[in-house]
Protein backbone atom coordinates (compact mmCIF):
# COMPACT_ATOMS: atom_id res chain seq x y z
CA UNK A 1 -36.34 95.41 -5.70
CA UNK A 2 -39.80 96.50 -6.80
CA UNK A 3 -40.61 98.15 -10.14
CA UNK A 4 -39.48 101.73 -10.65
CA UNK A 5 -43.00 102.91 -11.48
CA UNK A 6 -45.28 100.44 -9.69
CA UNK A 7 -48.41 102.50 -10.24
CA UNK A 8 -47.95 102.20 -14.02
CA UNK A 9 -47.64 98.39 -13.91
CA UNK A 10 -50.99 98.11 -12.14
CA UNK A 11 -53.11 99.89 -14.77
CA UNK A 12 -56.46 98.17 -15.17
CA UNK A 13 -57.70 98.52 -18.71
CA UNK A 14 -61.34 99.26 -18.00
CA UNK A 15 -63.93 100.78 -20.29
CA UNK A 16 -64.63 104.48 -20.35
CA UNK A 17 -62.69 107.72 -20.80
CA UNK A 18 -58.98 107.03 -20.37
CA UNK A 19 -57.31 108.80 -17.41
CA UNK A 20 -53.95 110.56 -17.34
CA UNK A 21 -51.97 107.46 -16.39
CA UNK A 22 -53.33 105.51 -19.37
CA UNK A 23 -52.55 108.42 -21.68
CA UNK A 24 -48.93 108.17 -20.53
CA UNK A 25 -49.10 104.47 -21.34
CA UNK A 26 -50.29 105.29 -24.87
CA UNK A 27 -47.27 107.57 -25.25
CA UNK A 28 -44.80 104.96 -23.98
CA UNK A 29 -46.16 102.29 -26.31
CA UNK A 30 -46.07 104.57 -29.37
CA UNK A 31 -49.83 104.93 -29.76
CA UNK A 32 -49.31 108.69 -29.37
CA UNK A 33 -46.23 109.90 -31.21
CA UNK A 34 -44.31 113.11 -31.83
CA UNK A 35 -40.90 114.06 -33.27
CA UNK A 36 -40.51 116.28 -30.19
CA UNK A 37 -40.81 115.08 -26.62
CA UNK A 38 -44.34 115.12 -25.22
CA UNK A 39 -44.25 116.98 -21.91
CA UNK A 40 -46.17 115.88 -18.85
CA UNK A 41 -47.74 119.34 -18.76
CA UNK A 42 -49.64 118.35 -21.92
CA UNK A 43 -51.35 115.51 -20.09
CA UNK A 44 -54.59 116.59 -18.44
CA UNK A 45 -56.76 114.46 -16.13
CA UNK A 46 -58.65 112.93 -19.07
CA UNK A 47 -57.06 114.34 -22.23
CA UNK A 48 -53.85 115.42 -23.91
CA UNK A 49 -53.13 118.90 -25.24
CA UNK A 50 -52.12 118.82 -28.91
CA UNK A 51 -49.41 121.17 -30.20
CA UNK A 52 -49.40 123.20 -33.40
CA UNK A 53 -46.79 122.16 -35.95
CA UNK A 54 -44.33 124.28 -37.89
CA UNK A 55 -46.60 125.69 -40.59
CA UNK A 56 -50.18 126.53 -41.48
CA UNK A 57 -51.97 126.30 -44.80
CA UNK A 58 -54.26 129.21 -45.60
CA UNK A 59 -57.18 127.82 -47.62
CA UNK A 60 -60.27 129.36 -49.19
CA UNK A 61 -62.94 127.28 -47.47
CA UNK A 62 -63.66 124.81 -44.71
CA UNK A 63 -63.72 121.19 -45.86
CA UNK A 64 -63.42 117.54 -44.92
CA UNK A 65 -61.14 115.34 -47.03
CA UNK A 66 -63.31 112.22 -47.12
CA UNK A 67 -62.13 108.73 -48.04
CA UNK A 68 -61.13 109.61 -51.60
CA UNK A 69 -58.05 111.68 -50.69
CA UNK A 70 -55.80 112.78 -47.86
CA UNK A 71 -56.19 116.14 -46.20
CA UNK A 72 -52.97 117.65 -47.56
CA UNK A 73 -53.82 116.57 -51.11
CA UNK A 74 -57.11 118.41 -50.94
CA UNK A 75 -55.78 121.43 -49.02
CA UNK A 76 -53.01 122.10 -51.54
CA UNK A 77 -55.24 121.77 -54.62
CA UNK A 78 -55.08 124.94 -56.79
CA UNK A 79 -58.75 125.74 -56.31
CA UNK A 80 -58.46 125.70 -52.50
CA UNK A 81 -54.89 126.57 -51.51
CA UNK A 82 -53.99 130.23 -50.83
CA UNK A 83 -50.55 130.22 -49.25
CA UNK A 84 -48.31 128.58 -46.65
CA UNK A 85 -47.50 130.35 -43.36
CA UNK A 86 -44.42 129.76 -41.19
CA UNK A 87 -45.20 129.35 -37.48
CA UNK A 88 -41.62 128.95 -36.26
CA UNK A 89 -40.47 132.59 -36.25
CA UNK A 90 -40.04 134.58 -33.05
CA UNK A 91 -43.26 136.47 -33.73
CA UNK A 92 -45.22 133.47 -34.96
CA UNK A 93 -48.00 134.11 -37.46
CA UNK A 94 -51.21 136.08 -37.47
CA UNK A 95 -54.54 134.35 -38.05
CA UNK A 96 -57.07 136.81 -39.47
CA UNK A 97 -60.79 136.73 -38.61
CA UNK A 98 -62.90 134.92 -41.17
CA UNK A 99 -60.00 133.09 -42.82
CA UNK A 100 -59.62 129.31 -42.76
CA UNK A 101 -56.31 127.68 -41.80
CA UNK A 102 -55.26 124.04 -41.79
CA UNK A 103 -52.43 123.34 -39.32
CA UNK A 104 -50.63 120.00 -39.01
CA UNK A 105 -50.11 119.01 -35.38
CA UNK A 106 -46.92 117.69 -33.81
CA UNK A 107 -48.69 114.63 -32.43
CA UNK A 108 -49.75 111.64 -34.54
CA UNK A 109 -51.55 108.44 -33.59
CA UNK A 110 -51.46 104.68 -33.97
CA UNK A 111 -54.52 103.75 -31.94
CA UNK A 112 -55.33 100.21 -30.80
CA UNK A 113 -58.52 98.60 -32.13
CA UNK A 114 -60.48 99.20 -28.92
CA UNK A 115 -59.73 102.92 -28.44
CA UNK A 116 -61.18 105.94 -30.25
CA UNK A 117 -60.51 109.66 -29.88
CA UNK A 118 -62.80 112.67 -29.34
CA UNK A 119 -61.40 116.21 -29.57
CA UNK A 120 -62.55 119.66 -28.52
CA UNK A 121 -61.07 123.16 -28.24
CA UNK A 122 -59.44 124.19 -24.97
CA UNK A 123 -61.48 126.52 -22.78
CA UNK A 124 -59.24 129.52 -23.50
CA UNK A 125 -59.59 128.96 -27.24
CA UNK A 126 -63.38 128.90 -27.06
CA UNK A 127 -63.56 132.04 -24.93
CA UNK A 128 -61.69 133.93 -27.65
CA UNK A 129 -64.26 132.90 -30.29
CA UNK A 130 -61.73 130.71 -32.09
CA UNK A 131 -63.21 127.63 -33.74
CA UNK A 132 -60.72 124.74 -33.66
CA UNK A 133 -61.71 121.35 -35.12
CA UNK A 134 -59.59 118.22 -35.35
CA UNK A 135 -59.28 116.45 -38.70
CA UNK A 136 -57.70 113.10 -39.55
CA UNK A 137 -55.96 112.36 -42.84
CA UNK A 138 -58.98 110.95 -44.67
CA UNK A 139 -61.66 111.77 -42.15
CA UNK A 140 -65.29 112.39 -42.98
CA UNK A 141 -66.21 114.11 -39.71
CA UNK A 142 -64.61 116.68 -37.45
CA UNK A 143 -63.44 116.01 -33.88
CA UNK A 144 -63.52 112.21 -34.13
CA UNK A 145 -60.65 109.74 -34.46
CA UNK A 146 -61.83 106.21 -35.30
CA UNK A 147 -60.61 103.07 -33.59
CA UNK A 148 -57.39 101.64 -35.03
CA UNK A 149 -56.56 104.97 -36.72
CA UNK A 150 -52.92 105.39 -37.72
CA UNK A 151 -51.77 108.69 -39.17
CA UNK A 152 -51.27 112.40 -38.79
CA UNK A 153 -53.56 114.88 -37.05
CA UNK A 154 -54.54 118.37 -38.20
CA UNK A 155 -56.74 121.21 -37.00
CA UNK A 156 -58.93 123.58 -38.90
CA UNK A 157 -58.60 127.00 -37.25
CA UNK A 158 -61.03 129.87 -37.78
CA UNK A 159 -60.94 132.94 -35.56
CA UNK A 160 -64.26 134.74 -35.71
CA UNK A 161 -63.74 138.02 -33.83
CA UNK A 162 -60.13 138.80 -32.89
CA UNK A 163 -56.89 138.47 -34.85
CA UNK A 164 -54.87 135.76 -33.09
CA UNK A 165 -51.09 135.35 -33.10
CA UNK A 166 -49.95 131.74 -32.83
CA UNK A 167 -46.63 129.92 -32.77
CA UNK A 168 -45.48 126.35 -33.27
CA UNK A 169 -45.87 124.36 -30.07
CA UNK A 170 -48.94 126.22 -28.81
CA UNK A 171 -51.92 124.13 -27.74
CA UNK A 172 -55.39 125.13 -28.94
CA UNK A 173 -57.26 121.84 -28.56
CA UNK A 174 -57.20 118.60 -26.62
CA UNK A 175 -57.92 114.97 -27.37
CA UNK A 176 -59.49 112.44 -25.05
CA UNK A 177 -59.59 108.70 -25.58
CA UNK A 178 -62.43 106.27 -24.97
CA UNK A 179 -62.31 102.50 -24.62
CA UNK A 180 -65.65 100.84 -25.24
CA UNK A 181 -68.96 102.67 -25.50
CA UNK A 182 -69.24 106.45 -25.81
CA UNK A 183 -72.75 106.52 -24.33
CA UNK A 184 -73.24 108.92 -21.41
CA UNK A 185 -74.03 107.79 -17.89
CA UNK A 186 -77.76 107.18 -17.55
CA UNK A 187 -80.07 109.38 -15.51
CA UNK A 188 -80.93 106.61 -13.04
CA UNK A 189 -77.26 106.24 -12.14
CA UNK A 190 -76.73 110.00 -11.87
CA UNK A 191 -79.67 110.37 -9.48
CA UNK A 192 -77.94 108.01 -7.06
CA UNK A 193 -74.89 110.29 -6.82
CA UNK A 194 -75.87 112.62 -3.98
CA UNK A 195 -72.69 114.71 -4.36
CA UNK A 196 -73.29 115.56 -8.02
CA UNK A 197 -75.63 118.53 -7.66
CA UNK A 198 -74.31 121.96 -6.62
CA UNK A 199 -76.35 124.82 -5.17
CA UNK A 200 -76.70 128.16 -6.92
CA UNK A 201 -75.31 131.41 -5.47
CA UNK A 202 -78.33 131.69 -3.15
CA UNK A 203 -77.90 128.19 -1.77
CA UNK A 204 -80.74 126.75 -3.81
CA UNK A 205 -80.21 123.31 -5.28
CA UNK A 206 -82.42 121.98 -8.05
CA UNK A 207 -82.18 118.48 -6.60
CA UNK A 208 -81.56 115.16 -8.26
CA UNK A 209 -85.03 115.29 -9.79
CA UNK A 210 -83.77 118.01 -12.17
CA UNK A 211 -81.61 115.42 -13.94
CA UNK A 212 -83.19 114.71 -17.30
CA UNK A 213 -81.00 113.39 -20.10
CA UNK A 214 -78.06 114.74 -18.10
CA UNK A 215 -77.71 117.81 -15.88
CA UNK A 216 -79.64 120.84 -17.25
CA UNK A 217 -77.60 123.97 -18.02
CA UNK A 218 -79.55 127.22 -17.80
CA UNK A 219 -78.28 130.77 -18.31
CA UNK A 220 -77.77 133.28 -15.50
CA UNK A 221 -78.99 136.81 -16.28
CA UNK A 222 -79.24 137.89 -12.62
CA UNK A 223 -75.72 137.52 -11.22
CA UNK A 224 -75.05 137.94 -7.51
CA UNK A 225 -76.51 141.45 -7.08
CA UNK A 226 -78.26 144.22 -9.07
CA UNK A 227 -74.94 145.76 -10.10
CA UNK A 228 -73.51 142.48 -11.38
CA UNK A 229 -72.01 142.05 -14.83
CA UNK A 230 -73.91 139.11 -16.28
CA UNK A 231 -72.34 138.92 -19.76
CA UNK A 232 -69.57 140.17 -22.00
CA UNK A 233 -70.04 140.96 -25.68
CA UNK A 234 -66.95 140.83 -27.90
CA UNK A 235 -65.91 144.01 -29.69
CA UNK A 236 -64.33 143.86 -33.12
CA UNK A 237 -60.69 144.73 -32.73
CA UNK A 238 -57.71 145.04 -35.09
CA UNK A 239 -55.15 144.56 -32.32
CA UNK A 240 -54.07 140.91 -32.31
CA UNK A 241 -54.22 138.76 -29.18
CA UNK A 242 -51.01 136.87 -28.48
CA UNK A 243 -52.01 133.69 -26.73
CA UNK A 244 -48.88 133.43 -24.59
CA UNK A 245 -49.47 136.84 -22.97
CA UNK A 246 -51.26 136.02 -19.72
CA UNK A 247 -53.13 138.61 -17.60
CA UNK A 248 -52.03 141.20 -20.17
CA UNK A 249 -54.82 142.82 -22.21
CA UNK A 250 -57.20 145.50 -20.99
CA UNK A 251 -60.73 144.07 -20.90
CA UNK A 252 -62.52 147.24 -22.06
CA UNK A 253 -60.51 147.30 -25.29
CA UNK A 254 -61.98 143.98 -26.40
CA UNK A 255 -65.23 143.46 -24.50
CA UNK A 256 -68.40 145.34 -23.62
CA UNK A 257 -69.66 144.42 -20.16
CA UNK A 258 -73.43 143.94 -19.80
CA UNK A 259 -75.10 144.47 -16.45
CA UNK A 260 -78.14 142.68 -15.14
CA UNK A 261 -81.14 143.59 -17.36
CA UNK A 262 -84.16 144.85 -15.40
CA UNK A 263 -86.46 142.71 -17.50
CA UNK A 264 -84.54 139.49 -16.92
CA UNK A 265 -84.06 139.25 -20.68
CA UNK A 266 -81.17 139.82 -23.04
CA UNK A 267 -81.30 140.16 -26.81
CA UNK A 268 -78.33 138.62 -28.62
CA UNK A 269 -77.45 140.62 -31.71
CA UNK A 270 -76.96 138.83 -35.05
CA UNK A 271 -73.48 137.35 -35.44
CA UNK A 272 -72.52 138.60 -31.98
CA UNK A 273 -70.28 136.65 -29.63
CA UNK A 274 -71.07 136.60 -25.91
CA UNK A 275 -69.74 135.06 -22.72
CA UNK A 276 -72.37 134.21 -20.11
CA UNK A 277 -72.46 131.97 -17.04
CA UNK A 278 -74.60 129.01 -16.11
CA UNK A 279 -77.28 129.63 -13.51
CA UNK A 280 -76.12 126.85 -11.21
CA UNK A 281 -72.60 125.60 -10.62
CA UNK A 282 -71.69 122.17 -11.83
CA UNK A 283 -69.58 119.41 -10.30
CA UNK A 284 -67.66 116.63 -12.01
CA UNK A 285 -66.64 113.75 -9.75
CA UNK A 286 -63.17 112.18 -10.13
CA UNK A 287 -64.73 109.04 -11.61
CA UNK A 288 -66.62 110.98 -14.29
CA UNK A 289 -65.91 113.39 -17.15
CA UNK A 290 -68.43 115.91 -18.47
CA UNK A 291 -69.42 117.23 -21.87
CA UNK A 292 -71.86 120.06 -22.54
CA UNK A 293 -74.20 119.67 -25.50
CA UNK A 294 -77.03 121.91 -26.84
CA UNK A 295 -80.37 120.86 -25.42
CA UNK A 296 -81.73 120.73 -28.98
CA UNK A 297 -79.14 120.52 -31.79
CA UNK A 298 -81.83 121.39 -34.35
CA UNK A 299 -82.60 124.80 -32.83
CA UNK A 300 -79.84 126.41 -34.86
CA UNK A 301 -80.18 129.99 -33.63
CA UNK A 302 -77.04 130.05 -31.53
CA UNK A 303 -74.05 128.02 -30.54
CA UNK A 304 -73.84 127.43 -26.79
CA UNK A 305 -70.33 126.15 -26.10
CA UNK A 306 -67.14 125.78 -28.12
CA UNK A 307 -65.03 123.72 -25.72
CA UNK A 308 -67.70 121.68 -23.95
CA UNK A 309 -65.45 119.23 -22.07
CA UNK A 310 -65.05 119.22 -18.29
CA UNK A 311 -62.25 117.26 -16.65
CA UNK A 312 -62.67 115.05 -13.58
CA UNK A 313 -62.50 117.24 -10.49
CA UNK A 314 -63.94 120.37 -12.15
CA UNK A 315 -66.06 122.13 -9.52
CA UNK A 316 -65.50 119.19 -7.18
CA UNK A 317 -61.85 118.97 -6.13
CA UNK A 318 -60.25 115.82 -4.78
CA UNK A 319 -62.74 114.83 -2.09
CA UNK A 320 -65.69 117.09 -2.80
CA UNK A 321 -64.23 120.11 -1.00
CA UNK A 322 -65.34 122.46 -3.81
CA UNK A 323 -69.07 123.14 -3.84
CA UNK A 324 -69.34 123.69 -7.59
CA UNK A 325 -68.04 125.90 -10.40
CA UNK A 326 -70.10 127.80 -12.91
CA UNK A 327 -69.79 126.88 -16.56
CA UNK A 328 -68.93 129.74 -18.90
CA UNK A 329 -71.17 129.68 -21.96
CA UNK A 330 -69.62 130.78 -25.24
CA UNK A 331 -72.65 131.92 -27.17
CA UNK A 332 -72.80 133.01 -30.78
CA UNK A 333 -76.01 134.07 -32.49
CA UNK A 334 -75.62 132.58 -35.95
CA UNK A 335 -78.72 133.68 -37.83
CA UNK A 336 -79.51 137.12 -39.25
CA UNK A 337 -82.17 137.76 -36.62
CA UNK A 338 -81.72 138.73 -32.95
CA UNK A 339 -82.24 136.00 -30.36
CA UNK A 340 -83.98 136.53 -27.01
CA UNK A 341 -82.54 134.90 -23.88
CA UNK A 342 -84.36 134.86 -20.54
CA UNK A 343 -82.98 134.24 -17.08
CA UNK A 344 -82.83 130.53 -16.18
CA UNK A 345 -83.59 129.55 -19.78
CA UNK A 346 -82.46 126.04 -20.68
CA UNK A 347 -79.61 126.23 -23.20
CA UNK A 348 -77.81 122.92 -22.85
CA UNK A 349 -77.20 119.76 -20.88
CA UNK A 350 -74.15 118.33 -19.22
CA UNK A 351 -73.65 114.67 -20.05
CA UNK A 352 -71.47 112.61 -17.75
CA UNK A 353 -69.18 109.82 -18.93
CA UNK A 354 -67.60 107.08 -16.85
CA UNK A 355 -63.83 107.20 -16.45
CA UNK A 356 -61.98 103.95 -17.11
CA UNK A 357 -60.14 104.71 -13.86
CA UNK A 358 -59.80 107.68 -11.51
CA UNK A 359 -56.98 109.88 -12.89
CA UNK A 360 -53.76 110.36 -10.96
CA UNK A 361 -54.22 114.13 -11.44
CA UNK A 362 -57.45 116.10 -11.15
CA UNK A 363 -58.59 119.45 -12.50
CA UNK A 364 -57.53 122.30 -10.23
CA UNK A 365 -54.89 124.79 -9.24
CA UNK A 366 -52.38 122.06 -8.38
CA UNK A 367 -51.92 121.25 -12.08
CA UNK A 368 -52.22 124.82 -13.35
CA UNK A 369 -55.89 124.74 -14.34
CA UNK A 370 -57.09 128.27 -15.07
CA UNK A 371 -60.82 128.19 -14.38
CA UNK A 372 -61.47 126.22 -11.19
CA UNK A 373 -63.97 128.06 -8.94
CA UNK A 374 -64.53 130.66 -11.65
CA UNK A 375 -67.44 133.00 -12.01
CA UNK A 376 -68.09 134.72 -15.32
CA UNK A 377 -64.43 134.55 -16.37
CA UNK A 378 -62.82 135.85 -19.54
CA UNK A 379 -59.88 133.96 -21.03
CA UNK A 380 -56.61 134.15 -19.11
CA UNK A 381 -55.08 136.68 -21.55
CA UNK A 382 -57.14 139.51 -20.02
CA UNK A 383 -56.24 141.44 -16.87
CA UNK A 384 -58.56 140.67 -13.99
CA UNK A 385 -57.97 144.06 -12.40
CA UNK A 386 -59.00 145.88 -15.60
CA UNK A 387 -62.64 144.81 -15.56
CA UNK A 388 -64.65 147.67 -17.05
CA UNK A 389 -67.03 149.75 -14.98
CA UNK A 390 -70.50 149.62 -16.49
CA UNK A 391 -73.51 151.81 -16.01
CA UNK A 392 -77.02 151.15 -17.31
CA UNK A 393 -78.50 153.72 -19.64
CA UNK A 394 -81.88 153.87 -21.32
CA UNK A 395 -83.38 150.51 -22.21
CA UNK A 396 -85.73 149.60 -24.99
CA UNK A 397 -87.83 146.49 -24.66
CA UNK A 398 -85.70 143.76 -23.17
CA UNK A 399 -82.26 144.93 -24.21
CA UNK A 400 -79.88 146.68 -21.84
CA UNK A 401 -77.36 148.91 -23.55
CA UNK A 402 -74.28 149.37 -21.34
CA UNK A 403 -71.81 152.21 -21.43
CA UNK A 404 -68.17 151.42 -20.76
CA UNK A 405 -66.04 153.92 -18.88
């Protein structure tokens, strides 16, 4: 009689981003641990969703513990600690905008010496303007788990615009694992992949020659037609968003829709949070994973993407049957001055990373993925049928001021 799970006995331990089947192997061997069973629904094509633990620590400031102390020692120091919040009640707990929370996660790690971890917020988390960053016990940088790390995991949670209600067991971020180098796939290799580039909504492809330090991400301020909504600006709101309420909230209560500006320009207001779409769709082959990065990290004026990670199969499907999916850009103007965006302006690049093996599940509707073949999509908590009607009114310079009805 053959093995019960023959596909698992044939895992080839190659270099690159670890696929879903190798993540299961890390769970079976105790490299990923939890006092509660880890469900298969947590395992994504190239990452694992991490669950919030039973309590949160409200602290006065963001921090990294460093090598001199553990995270909990520093977080509970009298000059930093505010109070402890229970996440296990039926109503969970409310995270208030501008406050900093440290939340222990259910999962812990005992990584092998050849595997490291890289974390990022989930797409839904980023689209709600919630900053989630992974921290290790004595870590000196966010979002990174070093090789051979053994210990607990935590997140720093800061919601910037909306009050957020969370409960133990919810997943706000994900962790992917890399064996070997973390360098992206080189441009010369990408140019040989003739199924990588997707056309824009008018059927225009930039061609492989556009590849330059990855695939360029530019912003779309035109949309599909003159009446198109090309952006959403978040509205300050006291009503909390409960993350487990799907297709529930009225869009106009939380967002201002912005139509196509006549000038092809949009002014981002200081400290505003916006959702925009990439000009051209992107595709991620099953043998690659993608990560969006700012085209110039020193520019500083605005943050382009909170989540930034794209699973194998995003905008591609299983055999290339999907012709591309637009990336949603989570943009925050961080300085005290307005920032001007123009249509097709370069705002980031998509780096591609080799998978250690093609995953046994790919991004898409079959595994419950929320944003395959999306356009300019809000997070899944908002009702699709409640999109606000917008109407342009007087403009001044390059800014279009919408009215919501």
